[in-house]
C-alpha atoms as a PDB file:
ATOM      1  CA  UNK A   1     -28.613 193.961 -59.795  1.00  0.00           C
ATOM      2  CA  UNK A   2     -28.815 190.301 -59.437  1.00  0.00           C
ATOM      3  CA  UNK A   3     -31.427 188.204 -60.749  1.00  0.00           C
ATOM      4  CA  UNK A   4     -32.847 187.003 -57.803  1.00  0.00           C
ATOM      5  CA  UNK A   5     -33.404 190.741 -56.692  1.00  0.00           C
ATOM      6  CA  UNK A   6     -35.793 190.578 -59.290  1.00  0.00           C
ATOM      7  CA  UNK A   7     -37.676 187.535 -58.660  1.00  0.00           C
ATOM      8  CA  UNK A   8     -41.042 188.736 -57.203  1.00  0.00           C
ATOM      9  CA  UNK A   9     -41.183 187.501 -53.166  1.00  0.00           C
ATOM     10  CA  UNK A  10     -43.636 184.807 -52.511  1.00  0.00           C
ATOM     11  CA  UNK A  11     -45.901 184.366 -49.505  1.00  0.00           C
ATOM     12  CA  UNK A  12     -46.104 181.207 -47.632  1.00  0.00           C
ATOM     13  CA  UNK A  13     -49.518 180.455 -49.141  1.00  0.00           C
ATOM     14  CA  UNK A  14     -48.503 181.366 -52.647  1.00  0.00           C
ATOM     15  CA  UNK A  15     -45.344 179.108 -52.073  1.00  0.00           C
ATOM     16  CA  UNK A  16     -47.754 176.228 -51.104  1.00  0.00           C
ATOM     17  CA  UNK A  17     -49.665 177.059 -53.911  1.00  0.00           C
ATOM     18  CA  UNK A  18     -46.927 177.049 -56.542  1.00  0.00           C
ATOM     19  CA  UNK A  19     -45.819 173.656 -54.882  1.00  0.00           C
ATOM     20  CA  UNK A  20     -49.021 172.262 -55.353  1.00  0.00           C
ATOM     21  CA  UNK A  21     -49.690 173.451 -58.978  1.00  0.00           C
ATOM     22  CA  UNK A  22     -46.170 171.795 -59.735  1.00  0.00           C
ATOM     23  CA  UNK A  23     -46.988 168.383 -58.144  1.00  0.00           C
ATOM     24  CA  UNK A  24     -50.046 168.234 -59.850  1.00  0.00           C
ATOM     25  CA  UNK A  25     -48.398 168.939 -63.100  1.00  0.00           C
ATOM     26  CA  UNK A  26     -45.901 166.295 -62.452  1.00  0.00           C
ATOM     27  CA  UNK A  27     -48.311 163.978 -61.975  1.00  0.00           C
ATOM     28  CA  UNK A  28     -50.187 164.664 -65.087  1.00  0.00           C
ATOM     29  CA  UNK A  29     -47.363 163.899 -67.147  1.00  0.00           C
ATOM     30  CA  UNK A  30     -46.052 161.017 -65.223  1.00  0.00           C
ATOM     31  CA  UNK A  31     -49.431 159.736 -65.855  1.00  0.00           C
ATOM     32  CA  UNK A  32     -49.289 160.557 -69.763  1.00  0.00           C
ATOM     33  CA  UNK A  33     -45.818 158.756 -69.622  1.00  0.00           C
ATOM     34  CA  UNK A  34     -47.049 155.939 -68.349  1.00  0.00           C
ATOM     35  CA  UNK A  35     -48.420 153.451 -71.221  1.00  0.00           C
ATOM     36  CA  UNK A  36     -51.385 152.054 -69.348  1.00  0.00           C
ATOM     37  CA  UNK A  37     -53.640 151.216 -72.568  1.00  0.00           C
ATOM     38  CA  UNK A  38     -51.216 148.897 -74.143  1.00  0.00           C
ATOM     39  CA  UNK A  39     -50.071 146.977 -71.218  1.00  0.00           C
ATOM     40  CA  UNK A  40     -53.855 146.286 -70.603  1.00  0.00           C
ATOM     41  CA  UNK A  41     -54.244 145.207 -74.087  1.00  0.00           C
ATOM     42  CA  UNK A  42     -51.228 143.098 -74.136  1.00  0.00           C
ATOM     43  CA  UNK A  43     -52.076 141.231 -70.273  1.00  0.00           C
ATOM     44  CA  UNK A  44     -55.793 140.903 -71.653  1.00  0.00           C
ATOM     45  CA  UNK A  45     -54.086 138.746 -75.141  1.00  0.00           C
ATOM     46  CA  UNK A  46     -52.317 136.694 -73.500  1.00  0.00           C
ATOM     47  CA  UNK A  47     -54.992 135.401 -70.905  1.00  0.00           C
ATOM     48  CA  UNK A  48     -57.328 135.070 -74.312  1.00  0.00           C
ATOM     49  CA  UNK A  49     -54.639 133.085 -75.413  1.00  0.00           C
ATOM     50  CA  UNK A  50     -53.951 131.020 -72.338  1.00  0.00           C
ATOM     51  CA  UNK A  51     -57.706 130.392 -72.267  1.00  0.00           C
ATOM     52  CA  UNK A  52     -58.072 129.046 -75.872  1.00  0.00           C
ATOM     53  CA  UNK A  53     -55.019 126.827 -75.697  1.00  0.00           C
ATOM     54  CA  UNK A  54     -56.715 125.066 -72.616  1.00  0.00           C
ATOM     55  CA  UNK A  55     -59.875 124.572 -74.470  1.00  0.00           C
ATOM     56  CA  UNK A  56     -57.881 123.259 -77.181  1.00  0.00           C
ATOM     57  CA  UNK A  57     -55.806 120.838 -75.112  1.00  0.00           C
ATOM     58  CA  UNK A  58     -59.138 119.772 -73.828  1.00  0.00           C
ATOM     59  CA  UNK A  59     -60.869 119.362 -77.070  1.00  0.00           C
ATOM     60  CA  UNK A  60     -58.255 117.113 -77.836  1.00  0.00           C
ATOM     61  CA  UNK A  61     -57.963 115.137 -74.977  1.00  0.00           C
ATOM     62  CA  UNK A  62     -61.763 114.681 -75.471  1.00  0.00           C
ATOM     63  CA  UNK A  63     -61.442 113.629 -78.945  1.00  0.00           C
ATOM     64  CA  UNK A  64     -58.858 111.145 -78.136  1.00  0.00           C
ATOM     65  CA  UNK A  65     -60.786 109.253 -75.735  1.00  0.00           C
ATOM     66  CA  UNK A  66     -63.853 109.632 -78.378  1.00  0.00           C
ATOM     67  CA  UNK A  67     -61.892 107.760 -81.007  1.00  0.00           C
ATOM     68  CA  UNK A  68     -60.174 105.139 -78.557  1.00  0.00           C
ATOM     69  CA  UNK A  69     -63.929 104.572 -77.724  1.00  0.00           C
ATOM     70  CA  UNK A  70     -65.285 104.340 -80.966  1.00  0.00           C
ATOM     71  CA  UNK A  71     -62.809 102.025 -82.070  1.00  0.00           C
ATOM     72  CA  UNK A  72     -63.349  99.515 -79.340  1.00  0.00           C
ATOM     73  CA  UNK A  73     -67.364  99.725 -79.915  1.00  0.00           C
ATOM     74  CA  UNK A  74     -66.581  98.813 -83.862  1.00  0.00           C
ATOM     75  CA  UNK A  75     -64.171  95.894 -82.551  1.00  0.00           C
ATOM     76  CA  UNK A  76     -66.611  94.408 -80.434  1.00  0.00           C
ATOM     77  CA  UNK A  77     -69.785  95.157 -83.139  1.00  0.00           C
ATOM     78  CA  UNK A  78     -67.855  92.956 -85.564  1.00  0.00           C
ATOM     79  CA  UNK A  79     -67.108  90.214 -83.188  1.00  0.00           C
ATOM     80  CA  UNK A  80     -70.818  89.889 -82.189  1.00  0.00           C
ATOM     81  CA  UNK A  81     -71.622  89.921 -85.765  1.00  0.00           C
ATOM     82  CA  UNK A  82     -69.465  87.070 -86.398  1.00  0.00           C
ATOM     83  CA  UNK A  83     -70.365  85.473 -83.556  1.00  0.00           C
ATOM     84  CA  UNK A  84     -73.933  85.984 -84.850  1.00  0.00           C
ATOM     85  CA  UNK A  85     -72.805  84.622 -88.202  1.00  0.00           C
ATOM     86  CA  UNK A  86     -71.097  81.659 -86.652  1.00  0.00           C
ATOM     87  CA  UNK A  87     -73.904  80.601 -84.429  1.00  0.00           C
ATOM     88  CA  UNK A  88     -76.214  80.560 -87.463  1.00  0.00           C
ATOM     89  CA  UNK A  89     -74.352  78.069 -89.607  1.00  0.00           C
ATOM     90  CA  UNK A  90     -74.217  76.055 -86.138  1.00  0.00           C
ATOM     91  CA  UNK A  91     -78.132  76.019 -85.995  1.00  0.00           C
ATOM     92  CA  UNK A  92     -78.456  74.623 -89.813  1.00  0.00           C
ATOM     93  CA  UNK A  93     -76.023  72.041 -89.045  1.00  0.00           C
ATOM     94  CA  UNK A  94     -77.467  69.037 -86.649  1.00  0.00           C
ATOM     95  CA  UNK A  95     -74.793  66.602 -87.596  1.00  0.00           C
ATOM     96  CA  UNK A  96     -71.959  69.229 -86.308  1.00  0.00           C
ATOM     97  CA  UNK A  97     -69.775  68.986 -89.219  1.00  0.00           C
ATOM     98  CA  UNK A  98     -69.334  72.644 -89.449  1.00  0.00           C
ATOM     99  CA  UNK A  99     -67.430  72.428 -85.605  1.00  0.00           C
ATOM    100  CA  UNK A 100     -63.868  72.513 -85.666  1.00  0.00           C
ATOM    101  CA  UNK A 101     -61.487  69.551 -85.178  1.00  0.00           C
ATOM    102  CA  UNK A 102     -60.071  70.092 -81.673  1.00  0.00           C
ATOM    103  CA  UNK A 103     -56.291  71.322 -81.808  1.00  0.00           C
ATOM    104  CA  UNK A 104     -55.327  71.994 -85.407  1.00  0.00           C
ATOM    105  CA  UNK A 105     -53.673  74.833 -87.051  1.00  0.00           C
ATOM    106  CA  UNK A 106     -55.965  77.688 -84.659  1.00  0.00           C
ATOM    107  CA  UNK A 107     -52.601  78.749 -83.272  1.00  0.00           C
ATOM    108  CA  UNK A 108     -50.173  79.291 -85.960  1.00  0.00           C
ATOM    109  CA  UNK A 109     -53.355  80.892 -87.856  1.00  0.00           C
ATOM    110  CA  UNK A 110     -53.711  83.317 -85.333  1.00  0.00           C
ATOM    111  CA  UNK A 111     -49.969  84.041 -84.923  1.00  0.00           C
ATOM    112  CA  UNK A 112     -49.698  84.238 -88.744  1.00  0.00           C
ATOM    113  CA  UNK A 113     -52.686  87.033 -88.575  1.00  0.00           C
ATOM    114  CA  UNK A 114     -50.769  88.551 -86.012  1.00  0.00           C
ATOM    115  CA  UNK A 115     -47.446  89.063 -88.455  1.00  0.00           C
ATOM    116  CA  UNK A 116     -49.684  89.781 -90.847  1.00  0.00           C
ATOM    117  CA  UNK A 117     -50.861  92.867 -88.862  1.00  0.00           C
ATOM    118  CA  UNK A 118     -47.422  94.239 -87.766  1.00  0.00           C
ATOM    119  CA  UNK A 119     -47.576  92.831 -84.284  1.00  0.00           C
ATOM    120  CA  UNK A 120     -44.476  91.218 -82.450  1.00  0.00           C
ATOM    121  CA  UNK A 121     -45.883  89.954 -79.185  1.00  0.00           C
ATOM    122  CA  UNK A 122     -48.689  87.360 -80.481  1.00  0.00           C
ATOM    123  CA  UNK A 123     -46.180  84.859 -80.534  1.00  0.00           C
ATOM    124  CA  UNK A 124     -46.906  83.853 -76.910  1.00  0.00           C
ATOM    125  CA  UNK A 125     -48.767  80.517 -76.367  1.00  0.00           C
ATOM    126  CA  UNK A 126     -52.344  81.621 -75.016  1.00  0.00           C
ATOM    127  CA  UNK A 127     -53.759  80.223 -71.998  1.00  0.00           C
ATOM    128  CA  UNK A 128     -56.182  77.606 -73.356  1.00  0.00           C
ATOM    129  CA  UNK A 129     -59.525  76.707 -71.049  1.00  0.00           C
ATOM    130  CA  UNK A 130     -61.951  73.691 -73.114  1.00  0.00           C
ATOM    131  CA  UNK A 131     -65.008  73.547 -71.606  1.00  0.00           C
ATOM    132  CA  UNK A 132     -66.982  70.542 -72.795  1.00  0.00           C
ATOM    133  CA  UNK A 133     -71.007  70.241 -73.300  1.00  0.00           C
ATOM    134  CA  UNK A 134     -71.747  67.266 -71.496  1.00  0.00           C
ATOM    135  CA  UNK A 135     -72.727  64.455 -73.888  1.00  0.00           C
ATOM    136  CA  UNK A 136     -72.778  66.477 -76.739  1.00  0.00           C
ATOM    137  CA  UNK A 137     -69.320  66.242 -78.142  1.00  0.00           C
ATOM    138  CA  UNK A 138     -68.344  69.483 -78.239  1.00  0.00           C
ATOM    139  CA  UNK A 139     -66.150  71.950 -76.316  1.00  0.00           C
ATOM    140  CA  UNK A 140     -65.686  75.549 -76.386  1.00  0.00           C
ATOM    141  CA  UNK A 141     -61.956  76.107 -76.004  1.00  0.00           C
ATOM    142  CA  UNK A 142     -61.090  79.943 -74.924  1.00  0.00           C
ATOM    143  CA  UNK A 143     -57.673  80.913 -76.308  1.00  0.00           C
ATOM    144  CA  UNK A 144     -56.546  83.854 -74.138  1.00  0.00           C
ATOM    145  CA  UNK A 145     -53.737  86.499 -75.021  1.00  0.00           C
ATOM    146  CA  UNK A 146     -52.950  89.299 -72.332  1.00  0.00           C
ATOM    147  CA  UNK A 147     -51.006  92.025 -72.644  1.00  0.00           C
ATOM    148  CA  UNK A 148     -50.705  92.153 -76.544  1.00  0.00           C
ATOM    149  CA  UNK A 149     -48.598  95.702 -76.536  1.00  0.00           C
ATOM    150  CA  UNK A 150     -48.567  97.809 -79.828  1.00  0.00           C
ATOM    151  CA  UNK A 151     -47.774 101.401 -80.004  1.00  0.00           C
ATOM    152  CA  UNK A 152     -50.732 101.810 -82.548  1.00  0.00           C
ATOM    153  CA  UNK A 153     -53.875 100.646 -81.483  1.00  0.00           C
ATOM    154  CA  UNK A 154     -55.228  99.979 -85.138  1.00  0.00           C
ATOM    155  CA  UNK A 155     -52.538  96.889 -85.676  1.00  0.00           C
ATOM    156  CA  UNK A 156     -53.956  95.162 -82.762  1.00  0.00           C
ATOM    157  CA  UNK A 157     -57.579  95.926 -83.851  1.00  0.00           C
ATOM    158  CA  UNK A 158     -56.635  94.610 -87.495  1.00  0.00           C
ATOM    159  CA  UNK A 159     -55.009  91.425 -86.474  1.00  0.00           C
ATOM    160  CA  UNK A 160     -58.261  90.703 -84.228  1.00  0.00           C
ATOM    161  CA  UNK A 161     -60.583  91.249 -86.997  1.00  0.00           C
ATOM    162  CA  UNK A 162     -58.490  89.120 -89.126  1.00  0.00           C
ATOM    163  CA  UNK A 163     -58.947  86.517 -86.662  1.00  0.00           C
ATOM    164  CA  UNK A 164     -62.232  86.441 -86.577  1.00  0.00           C
ATOM    165  CA  UNK A 165     -62.662  86.869 -90.579  1.00  0.00           C
ATOM    166  CA  UNK A 166     -59.977  84.316 -91.554  1.00  0.00           C
ATOM    167  CA  UNK A 167     -59.973  81.508 -88.732  1.00  0.00           C
ATOM    168  CA  UNK A 168     -63.037  79.252 -88.783  1.00  0.00           C
ATOM    169  CA  UNK A 169     -65.816  79.468 -86.304  1.00  0.00           C
ATOM    170  CA  UNK A 170     -63.943  82.078 -83.932  1.00  0.00           C
ATOM    171  CA  UNK A 171     -65.118  84.772 -82.432  1.00  0.00           C
ATOM    172  CA  UNK A 172     -64.155  87.037 -79.475  1.00  0.00           C
ATOM    173  CA  UNK A 173     -65.582  86.438 -76.038  1.00  0.00           C
ATOM    174  CA  UNK A 174     -63.629  89.404 -74.172  1.00  0.00           C
ATOM    175  CA  UNK A 175     -61.479  92.124 -75.185  1.00  0.00           C
ATOM    176  CA  UNK A 176     -59.973  94.937 -72.682  1.00  0.00           C
ATOM    177  CA  UNK A 177     -57.993  97.632 -74.115  1.00  0.00           C
ATOM    178  CA  UNK A 178     -55.682  99.951 -71.765  1.00  0.00           C
ATOM    179  CA  UNK A 179     -53.885 102.816 -72.857  1.00  0.00           C
ATOM    180  CA  UNK A 180     -49.910 102.779 -71.871  1.00  0.00           C
ATOM    181  CA  UNK A 181     -47.086 105.639 -71.948  1.00  0.00           C
ATOM    182  CA  UNK A 182     -45.724 103.762 -74.931  1.00  0.00           C
ATOM    183  CA  UNK A 183     -48.703 102.937 -76.898  1.00  0.00           C
ATOM    184  CA  UNK A 184     -51.320 100.298 -76.374  1.00  0.00           C
ATOM    185  CA  UNK A 185     -52.151  96.966 -74.405  1.00  0.00           C
ATOM    186  CA  UNK A 186     -54.712  94.726 -75.149  1.00  0.00           C
ATOM    187  CA  UNK A 187     -55.821  91.581 -73.694  1.00  0.00           C
ATOM    188  CA  UNK A 188     -58.092  89.216 -75.365  1.00  0.00           C
ATOM    189  CA  UNK A 189     -59.887  86.126 -75.437  1.00  0.00           C
ATOM    190  CA  UNK A 190     -60.930  84.366 -79.063  1.00  0.00           C
ATOM    191  CA  UNK A 191     -63.499  81.286 -78.669  1.00  0.00           C
ATOM    192  CA  UNK A 192     -64.601  78.367 -80.859  1.00  0.00           C
ATOM    193  CA  UNK A 193     -66.709  75.520 -80.523  1.00  0.00           C
ATOM    194  CA  UNK A 194     -64.428  72.377 -81.398  1.00  0.00           C
ATOM    195  CA  UNK A 195     -65.411  68.220 -81.826  1.00  0.00           C
ATOM    196  CA  UNK A 196     -64.144  66.477 -78.923  1.00  0.00           C
ATOM    197  CA  UNK A 197     -65.478  63.260 -80.340  1.00  0.00           C
ATOM    198  CA  UNK A 198     -66.353  62.393 -83.992  1.00  0.00           C
END
Protein backbone atom coordinates (compact mmCIF):
# COMPACT_ATOMS: atom_id res chain seq x y z
CA UNK A 1 0.00 0.00 0.00
CA UNK A 2 1.41 3.38 -0.94
CA UNK A 3 1.65 6.36 1.35
CA UNK A 4 -0.74 8.40 -0.82
CA UNK A 5 -3.41 5.83 -0.41
CA UNK A 6 -3.15 6.23 3.39
CA UNK A 7 -3.91 9.98 3.27
CA UNK A 8 -7.51 10.89 3.99
CA UNK A 9 -9.54 12.29 1.16
CA UNK A 10 -10.64 15.92 1.72
CA UNK A 11 -13.81 17.45 0.46
CA UNK A 12 -13.63 20.71 -1.53
CA UNK A 13 -14.77 22.73 1.52
CA UNK A 14 -12.15 21.11 3.73
CA UNK A 15 -9.46 21.74 1.12
CA UNK A 16 -10.44 25.41 0.91
CA UNK A 17 -10.36 25.68 4.69
CA UNK A 18 -6.93 24.03 4.82
CA UNK A 19 -5.60 26.42 2.17
CA UNK A 20 -6.96 29.42 4.09
CA UNK A 21 -5.35 28.16 7.31
CA UNK A 22 -1.99 27.64 5.59
CA UNK A 23 -2.21 31.12 3.96
CA UNK A 24 -3.05 32.73 7.34
CA UNK A 25 -0.12 30.96 9.00
CA UNK A 26 2.22 32.04 6.17
CA UNK A 27 1.06 35.66 6.48
CA UNK A 28 1.63 35.53 10.24
CA UNK A 29 5.14 34.13 9.79
CA UNK A 30 5.90 36.83 7.17
CA UNK A 31 4.74 39.60 9.55
CA UNK A 32 6.84 38.16 12.36
CA UNK A 33 9.94 38.06 10.11
CA UNK A 34 9.47 41.67 8.87
CA UNK A 35 11.39 44.08 11.27
CA UNK A 36 8.88 46.97 11.39
CA UNK A 37 9.77 48.39 14.83
CA UNK A 38 13.55 48.79 14.23
CA UNK A 39 12.92 50.33 10.79
CA UNK A 40 10.37 52.76 12.26
CA UNK A 41 12.76 53.70 15.09
CA UNK A 42 15.63 54.28 12.64
CA UNK A 43 13.39 56.49 10.46
CA UNK A 44 12.28 58.52 13.49
CA UNK A 45 15.90 58.94 14.62
CA UNK A 46 16.90 60.11 11.14
CA UNK A 47 14.04 62.63 11.03
CA UNK A 48 14.96 63.94 14.50
CA UNK A 49 18.62 64.29 13.50
CA UNK A 50 17.63 66.23 10.37
CA UNK A 51 15.41 68.59 12.38
CA UNK A 52 18.19 69.19 14.94
CA UNK A 53 20.72 69.89 12.16
CA UNK A 54 18.39 72.46 10.57
CA UNK A 55 17.82 74.15 13.94
CA UNK A 56 21.58 74.27 14.56
CA UNK A 57 22.26 75.87 11.15
CA UNK A 58 19.54 78.47 11.72
CA UNK A 59 20.94 79.32 15.16
CA UNK A 60 24.51 79.65 13.85
CA UNK A 61 23.36 81.98 11.07
CA UNK A 62 21.36 84.08 13.54
CA UNK A 63 24.33 84.27 15.93
CA UNK A 64 26.67 85.33 13.10
CA UNK A 65 24.30 88.09 12.01
CA UNK A 66 23.86 89.21 15.61
CA UNK A 67 27.63 89.34 16.12
CA UNK A 68 28.17 91.43 12.99
CA UNK A 69 25.38 93.79 14.08
CA UNK A 70 26.83 94.10 17.58
CA UNK A 71 30.29 94.88 16.19
CA UNK A 72 28.87 97.53 13.89
CA UNK A 73 26.93 99.03 16.81
CA UNK A 74 30.05 99.06 18.98
CA UNK A 75 32.02 100.84 16.26
CA UNK A 76 29.27 103.40 15.79
CA UNK A 77 29.05 104.05 19.54
CA UNK A 78 32.83 104.49 19.80
CA UNK A 79 32.81 106.92 16.87
CA UNK A 80 29.92 108.93 18.26
CA UNK A 81 31.61 109.10 21.65
CA UNK A 82 34.82 110.39 20.08
CA UNK A 83 32.90 112.91 18.00
CA UNK A 84 31.17 114.19 21.14
CA UNK A 85 34.55 114.57 22.90
CA UNK A 86 35.96 116.46 19.92
CA UNK A 87 33.02 118.83 19.84
CA UNK A 88 33.35 119.46 23.59
CA UNK A 89 37.03 120.32 23.13
CA UNK A 90 36.25 122.69 20.27
CA UNK A 91 33.52 124.42 22.29
CA UNK A 92 36.07 125.18 25.04
CA UNK A 93 38.46 126.78 22.54
CA UNK A 94 36.95 129.92 21.00
CA UNK A 95 40.24 130.82 19.32
CA UNK A 96 40.15 127.47 17.47
CA UNK A 97 43.75 126.76 18.37
CA UNK A 98 42.84 123.09 18.63
CA UNK A 99 41.66 122.91 15.04
CA UNK A 100 43.92 120.81 12.90
CA UNK A 101 45.98 122.49 10.23
CA UNK A 102 44.73 121.54 6.80
CA UNK A 103 46.69 118.93 4.92
CA UNK A 104 49.49 117.77 7.15
CA UNK A 105 50.13 114.15 7.80
CA UNK A 106 46.60 112.86 8.23
CA UNK A 107 46.82 110.43 5.29
CA UNK A 108 50.07 108.90 6.50
CA UNK A 109 48.55 108.55 9.98
CA UNK A 110 45.44 106.84 8.59
CA UNK A 111 47.52 104.51 6.41
CA UNK A 112 49.89 103.80 9.29
CA UNK A 113 46.97 102.78 11.48
CA UNK A 114 45.80 100.43 8.71
CA UNK A 115 49.23 98.84 8.40
CA UNK A 116 49.41 98.42 12.18
CA UNK A 117 46.01 96.69 12.11
CA UNK A 118 47.25 94.27 9.44
CA UNK A 119 45.23 95.65 6.52
CA UNK A 120 46.52 95.73 2.96
CA UNK A 121 43.91 97.89 1.21
CA UNK A 122 44.13 101.23 3.01
CA UNK A 123 47.02 102.70 1.05
CA UNK A 124 44.57 104.02 -1.52
CA UNK A 125 44.18 107.78 -1.74
CA UNK A 126 40.77 108.60 -0.33
CA UNK A 127 38.23 110.87 -1.91
CA UNK A 128 38.34 114.21 -0.10
CA UNK A 129 35.61 116.78 0.16
CA UNK A 130 36.45 119.94 2.13
CA UNK A 131 33.38 122.00 3.05
CA UNK A 132 34.24 125.49 4.27
CA UNK A 133 32.13 127.29 6.84
CA UNK A 134 31.57 130.76 5.44
CA UNK A 135 33.56 133.46 7.20
CA UNK A 136 34.81 131.19 9.97
CA UNK A 137 38.20 130.15 8.56
CA UNK A 138 37.38 126.47 9.09
CA UNK A 139 36.35 123.58 6.87
CA UNK A 140 35.10 120.09 7.56
CA UNK A 141 37.08 117.71 5.35
CA UNK A 142 35.84 114.20 4.58
CA UNK A 143 38.28 111.39 3.77
CA UNK A 144 36.26 108.61 2.09
CA UNK A 145 37.65 105.08 1.81
CA UNK A 146 35.50 102.80 -0.35
CA UNK A 147 35.72 99.03 -0.46
CA UNK A 148 38.32 98.33 2.22
CA UNK A 149 38.34 94.51 2.18
CA UNK A 150 39.66 91.91 4.56
CA UNK A 151 38.66 88.35 5.50
CA UNK A 152 38.63 89.39 9.18
CA UNK A 153 36.18 92.17 10.10
CA UNK A 154 37.94 92.78 13.42
CA UNK A 155 41.06 94.08 11.60
CA UNK A 156 38.99 96.69 9.76
CA UNK A 157 37.24 97.75 12.98
CA UNK A 158 40.59 97.91 14.79
CA UNK A 159 41.88 100.25 12.06
CA UNK A 160 38.81 102.52 12.29
CA UNK A 161 39.06 102.70 16.09
CA UNK A 162 42.79 103.44 15.91
CA UNK A 163 42.25 106.31 13.45
CA UNK A 164 39.54 107.86 15.63
CA UNK A 165 41.64 107.37 18.77
CA UNK A 166 45.06 108.42 17.46
CA UNK A 167 44.52 111.02 14.72
CA UNK A 168 43.63 114.41 16.27
CA UNK A 169 40.05 115.61 15.86
CA UNK A 170 39.01 112.82 13.50
CA UNK A 171 35.63 111.16 13.74
CA UNK A 172 33.62 108.80 11.57
CA UNK A 173 30.62 110.29 9.80
CA UNK A 174 29.59 107.22 7.82
CA UNK A 175 30.35 103.53 7.84
CA UNK A 176 28.91 100.72 5.76
CA UNK A 177 29.79 97.06 6.37
CA UNK A 178 28.98 94.37 3.79
CA UNK A 179 29.65 90.62 3.98
CA UNK A 180 31.25 89.11 0.87
CA UNK A 181 32.09 85.52 -0.08
CA UNK A 182 35.77 86.09 0.71
CA UNK A 183 35.31 88.23 3.85
CA UNK A 184 34.09 91.77 4.50
CA UNK A 185 33.99 95.08 2.62
CA UNK A 186 33.73 98.40 4.44
CA UNK A 187 33.08 101.92 3.18
CA UNK A 188 34.06 104.53 5.76
CA UNK A 189 34.24 108.31 5.80
CA UNK A 190 36.57 109.97 8.30
CA UNK A 191 35.96 113.68 8.92
CA UNK A 192 37.75 116.41 10.79
CA UNK A 193 37.58 120.17 11.25
CA UNK A 194 40.58 121.98 9.79
CA UNK A 195 41.75 125.56 9.70
CA UNK A 196 41.62 127.17 6.28
CA UNK A 197 43.26 130.43 7.48
CA UNK A 198 45.55 131.20 10.36
